[in-house]
């Protein structure tokens, strides 16, 4: 099979396509800051979609980011409006985190771009 034939086969990933896919990912991830910021946003958004917003303690447990980095990054995400911080109704000493609607729209846009990516 020639390289051209292989390139036209469905689901045939090659290095140039992988590079284009990486460029797509980087474009979206950089909207939020660094890779750690994106990981934090994904954890918060995923938990938010289940209807159970994350507290800092739970975020530390589920996020593979050092706690000091997590706190610093989370503070920046709140300050820049990507994430909302509010007190829980049960205990006013504890805060929970949710992603802003504009952040959800950006994440959904990322999903659309991934689905539309030319994998062939």
Protein backbone atom coordinates (compact mmCIF):
# COMPACT_ATOMS: atom_id res chain seq x y z
CA UNK A 1 0.00 0.00 0.00
CA UNK A 2 1.36 3.41 -0.94
CA UNK A 3 1.57 6.29 1.51
CA UNK A 4 -1.16 8.15 -0.41
CA UNK A 5 -3.50 5.13 -0.23
CA UNK A 6 -2.82 4.78 3.48
CA UNK A 7 -3.57 8.48 4.03
CA UNK A 8 -7.04 8.14 2.48
CA UNK A 9 -8.10 5.15 4.56
CA UNK A 10 -10.54 6.00 7.35
CA UNK A 11 -9.17 6.10 10.90
CA UNK A 12 -5.62 5.99 9.66
CA UNK A 13 -3.69 8.35 11.92
CA UNK A 14 -0.29 9.44 10.75
CA UNK A 15 2.26 11.88 12.13
CA UNK A 16 1.13 14.96 10.15
CA UNK A 17 -2.48 14.37 11.29
CA UNK A 18 -1.33 13.84 14.84
CA UNK A 19 0.54 17.15 14.63
CA UNK A 20 -2.60 18.95 13.34
CA UNK A 21 -4.64 17.35 16.13
CA UNK A 22 -2.10 18.50 18.69
CA UNK A 23 -2.33 22.03 17.28
CA UNK A 24 -6.10 21.89 17.70
CA UNK A 25 -5.74 20.79 21.31
CA UNK A 26 -3.14 23.44 22.11
CA UNK A 27 -5.34 26.16 20.62
CA UNK A 28 -8.19 25.25 22.97
CA UNK A 29 -6.12 24.51 26.07
CA UNK A 30 -4.26 27.82 25.83
CA UNK A 31 -7.57 29.72 26.09
CA UNK A 32 -7.61 28.78 29.75
CA UNK A 33 -3.93 29.20 30.57
CA UNK A 34 -1.67 26.25 31.14
CA UNK A 35 -2.26 22.52 31.00
CA UNK A 36 -2.80 22.39 34.78
CA UNK A 37 -5.53 25.03 34.45
CA UNK A 38 -7.25 22.92 31.84
CA UNK A 39 -7.04 19.79 34.01
CA UNK A 40 -8.60 21.67 36.92
CA UNK A 41 -11.39 23.04 34.71
CA UNK A 42 -12.17 19.59 33.35
CA UNK A 43 -12.43 18.12 36.85
CA UNK A 44 -14.74 20.91 38.00
CA UNK A 45 -16.89 20.78 34.85
CA UNK A 46 -17.20 16.98 34.90
CA UNK A 47 -18.29 16.99 38.52
CA UNK A 48 -20.61 19.94 37.92
CA UNK A 49 -22.40 18.01 35.17
CA UNK A 50 -23.25 15.31 37.72
CA UNK A 51 -24.88 18.00 39.87
CA UNK A 52 -22.32 17.81 42.66
CA UNK A 53 -19.96 20.83 42.68
CA UNK A 54 -16.42 20.21 43.94
CA UNK A 55 -14.96 21.53 47.17
CA UNK A 56 -11.27 22.33 47.42
CA UNK A 57 -10.65 19.21 49.49
CA UNK A 58 -12.29 16.94 46.89
CA UNK A 59 -10.54 18.77 44.06
CA UNK A 60 -7.16 18.14 45.70
CA UNK A 61 -8.01 14.42 45.90
CA UNK A 62 -9.16 13.99 42.31
CA UNK A 63 -6.81 16.35 40.49
CA UNK A 64 -3.29 15.21 39.69
CA UNK A 65 -1.83 18.64 40.41
CA UNK A 66 0.25 19.48 43.52
CA UNK A 67 -1.92 21.20 46.15
CA UNK A 68 0.04 24.47 46.18
CA UNK A 69 -0.16 24.65 42.37
CA UNK A 70 -3.84 23.77 42.50
CA UNK A 71 -4.62 26.59 44.94
CA UNK A 72 -2.64 29.13 42.93
CA UNK A 73 -4.15 28.06 39.62
CA UNK A 74 -7.67 27.87 41.04
CA UNK A 75 -7.33 31.38 42.45
CA UNK A 76 -6.33 32.68 39.02
CA UNK A 77 -9.20 30.84 37.32
CA UNK A 78 -11.65 32.44 39.77
CA UNK A 79 -10.08 35.88 39.35
CA UNK A 80 -10.30 35.63 35.55
CA UNK A 81 -13.92 34.46 35.63
CA UNK A 82 -13.47 30.92 34.31
CA UNK A 83 -14.60 29.46 37.66
CA UNK A 84 -17.10 30.59 40.28
CA UNK A 85 -16.41 30.12 43.98
CA UNK A 86 -19.28 30.09 46.46
CA UNK A 87 -20.00 28.94 49.97
CA UNK A 88 -21.82 25.66 50.42
CA UNK A 89 -25.30 25.84 51.92
CA UNK A 90 -24.54 23.19 54.54
CA UNK A 91 -21.34 24.74 55.90
CA UNK A 92 -20.49 28.40 55.26
CA UNK A 93 -16.83 27.72 55.99
CA UNK A 94 -16.52 25.48 52.93
CA UNK A 95 -16.46 26.74 49.35
CA UNK A 96 -17.42 24.87 46.22
CA UNK A 97 -16.37 25.56 42.66
CA UNK A 98 -18.32 25.59 39.40
CA UNK A 99 -17.28 26.61 35.92
CA UNK A 100 -18.79 29.74 34.42
CA UNK A 101 -21.26 29.46 31.56
CA UNK A 102 -18.74 31.00 29.14
CA UNK A 103 -16.23 28.32 30.17
CA UNK A 104 -18.79 25.59 29.49
CA UNK A 105 -19.40 27.09 26.04
CA UNK A 106 -15.67 27.04 25.31
CA UNK A 107 -15.37 23.42 26.45
CA UNK A 108 -18.35 22.44 24.29
CA UNK A 109 -16.74 24.26 21.35
CA UNK A 110 -13.64 22.12 21.94
CA UNK A 111 -15.78 18.98 21.82
CA UNK A 112 -17.35 20.12 18.53
CA UNK A 113 -13.90 20.74 17.03
CA UNK A 114 -12.68 17.30 18.12
CA UNK A 115 -15.74 15.64 16.60
CA UNK A 116 -15.24 17.59 13.36
CA UNK A 117 -11.53 16.79 13.12
CA UNK A 118 -10.61 15.04 9.88
CA UNK A 119 -9.36 11.70 11.15
CA UNK A 120 -8.89 10.35 7.64
